[in-house]
Protein backbone atom coordinates (compact mmCIF):
# COMPACT_ATOMS: atom_id res chain seq x y z
CA MET A 1 38.00 -14.46 18.85
CA LEU A 2 39.76 -16.49 16.22
CA MET A 3 43.03 -16.10 17.90
CA ALA A 4 41.62 -16.97 21.36
CA ALA A 5 40.18 -20.22 19.76
CA LEU A 6 43.57 -20.97 18.20
CA ARG A 7 45.35 -20.32 21.61
CA ARG A 8 42.89 -22.69 23.29
CA ALA A 9 43.23 -25.35 20.64
CA LEU A 10 47.05 -25.06 20.38
CA GLY A 11 47.79 -24.10 23.94
CA THR A 12 50.13 -21.23 24.72
CA ASP A 13 53.13 -23.16 23.44
CA GLY A 14 51.41 -23.68 20.06
CA ILE A 15 51.66 -20.09 18.74
CA PRO A 16 55.48 -20.07 18.57
CA GLU A 17 55.26 -23.37 16.85
CA LEU A 18 52.81 -22.06 14.29
CA ARG A 19 55.01 -19.11 13.62
CA THR A 20 57.92 -21.41 13.08
CA MET A 21 55.91 -23.59 10.71
CA MET A 22 54.76 -20.53 8.77
CA ALA A 23 58.36 -19.09 8.58
CA SER A 24 59.59 -22.61 7.38
CA ALA A 25 56.87 -22.74 4.64
CA ALA A 26 57.74 -19.22 3.52
CA GLU A 27 61.49 -20.20 3.40
CA GLN A 28 60.65 -23.31 1.34
CA LEU A 29 58.52 -21.36 -1.07
CA ASP A 30 61.29 -18.84 -1.52
CA ALA A 31 63.83 -21.63 -2.13
CA LEU A 32 61.52 -23.21 -4.64
CA ASN A 33 60.96 -19.87 -6.41
CA ASN A 34 64.67 -19.36 -6.59
CA ARG A 35 65.20 -22.91 -8.08
CA PHE A 36 62.47 -22.30 -10.57
CA SER A 37 63.95 -18.99 -11.65
CA ASP A 38 67.29 -20.69 -12.06
CA LEU A 39 65.73 -23.34 -14.21
CA ILE A 40 64.07 -20.75 -16.40
CA ALA A 41 67.26 -18.91 -16.89
CA ASP A 42 69.12 -22.20 -17.73
CA VAL A 43 66.46 -23.19 -20.38
CA ARG A 44 66.49 -19.80 -21.99
CA ALA A 45 70.30 -19.66 -22.04
CA ASN A 46 70.47 -23.08 -23.59
CA ASN A 47 67.83 -22.24 -26.18
CA GLU A 48 69.88 -19.23 -27.13
CA ILE A 49 72.92 -21.32 -27.63
CA LEU A 50 70.91 -23.77 -29.73
CA GLN A 51 69.40 -20.83 -31.75
CA THR A 52 72.94 -19.61 -32.67
CA LYS A 53 73.82 -23.06 -33.94
CA ALA A 54 70.55 -23.54 -35.76
CA GLY A 55 72.16 -23.36 -39.15
CA GLN A 56 74.50 -26.23 -38.31
CA LEU A 57 71.72 -28.59 -37.26
CA ASP A 58 70.48 -31.41 -39.51
CA GLU A 59 66.76 -31.73 -40.31
CA GLU A 60 66.04 -33.88 -37.26
CA GLY A 61 67.96 -31.49 -34.91
CA GLN A 62 66.13 -28.40 -36.33
CA ALA A 63 62.88 -30.10 -35.83
CA ALA A 64 63.81 -30.86 -32.12
CA LEU A 65 64.92 -27.18 -31.77
CA ASP A 66 61.72 -25.91 -33.18
CA ARG A 67 59.67 -28.12 -30.79
CA LEU A 68 61.69 -26.93 -27.88
CA SER A 69 61.27 -23.23 -28.90
CA ALA A 70 57.49 -23.75 -29.32
CA ASN A 71 57.28 -25.32 -25.94
CA ILE A 72 59.23 -22.55 -24.29
CA ALA A 73 57.17 -19.90 -25.99
CA ALA A 74 53.84 -21.58 -25.09
CA PHE A 75 54.96 -21.93 -21.40
CA ASP A 76 56.15 -18.33 -21.30
CA ALA A 77 52.76 -17.19 -22.77
CA GLU A 78 50.86 -19.34 -20.28
CA VAL A 79 52.69 -17.90 -17.26
CA GLY A 80 52.68 -14.38 -18.62
CA ASP A 81 54.83 -11.45 -17.59
CA LYS A 82 53.93 -11.01 -13.91
CA ASP A 83 57.12 -9.11 -13.02
CA GLY A 84 57.30 -6.88 -16.17
CA SER A 85 60.80 -8.23 -17.03
CA GLU A 86 59.80 -8.90 -20.65
CA GLN A 87 58.46 -5.40 -21.16
CA ASP A 88 60.18 -3.22 -23.64
CA PRO A 89 61.19 -0.10 -21.65
CA ALA A 90 60.78 2.14 -24.79
CA ALA A 91 57.24 0.85 -25.35
CA GLY A 92 55.95 1.82 -21.90
CA ASP A 93 53.47 -0.19 -19.94
CA GLU A 94 50.19 -0.56 -21.83
CA ASN A 95 48.45 -1.38 -18.54
CA ALA A 96 49.76 1.70 -16.69
CA PRO A 97 47.28 4.39 -15.89
CA PRO A 98 47.53 7.59 -17.91
CA GLN A 99 49.49 10.32 -16.47
C-alpha cells in the first residue's frame, strides 16, 4: 500500500530516482565515515608522537599535551568501543554470552 502511494506520488519514473538518491546518500555517509576514521587515526598518531616527546616539553607544552590527551580520552569514552577494536583479546568480551 505504501509503495503504491509512493508510485502514485512519484510517478513510475520516480522510483529509480529515489533509489539513486538513497545510493548517493549511502555513498556520502560511507565517505564521511572513512574521513572520520582517518581523522581519528591521525589524531591518535600525533598524540602518540607527542607522548614520546613529553619529557622534552616545557611546562606550557606539557599542559597543552595534557589537555589534548584529556580531550581525546573524553571523546573516546563518549563514543565508546562500538566496533570492539579497543578490546584486549586476552581479556575476552565481558558482554559476550557465556559459552
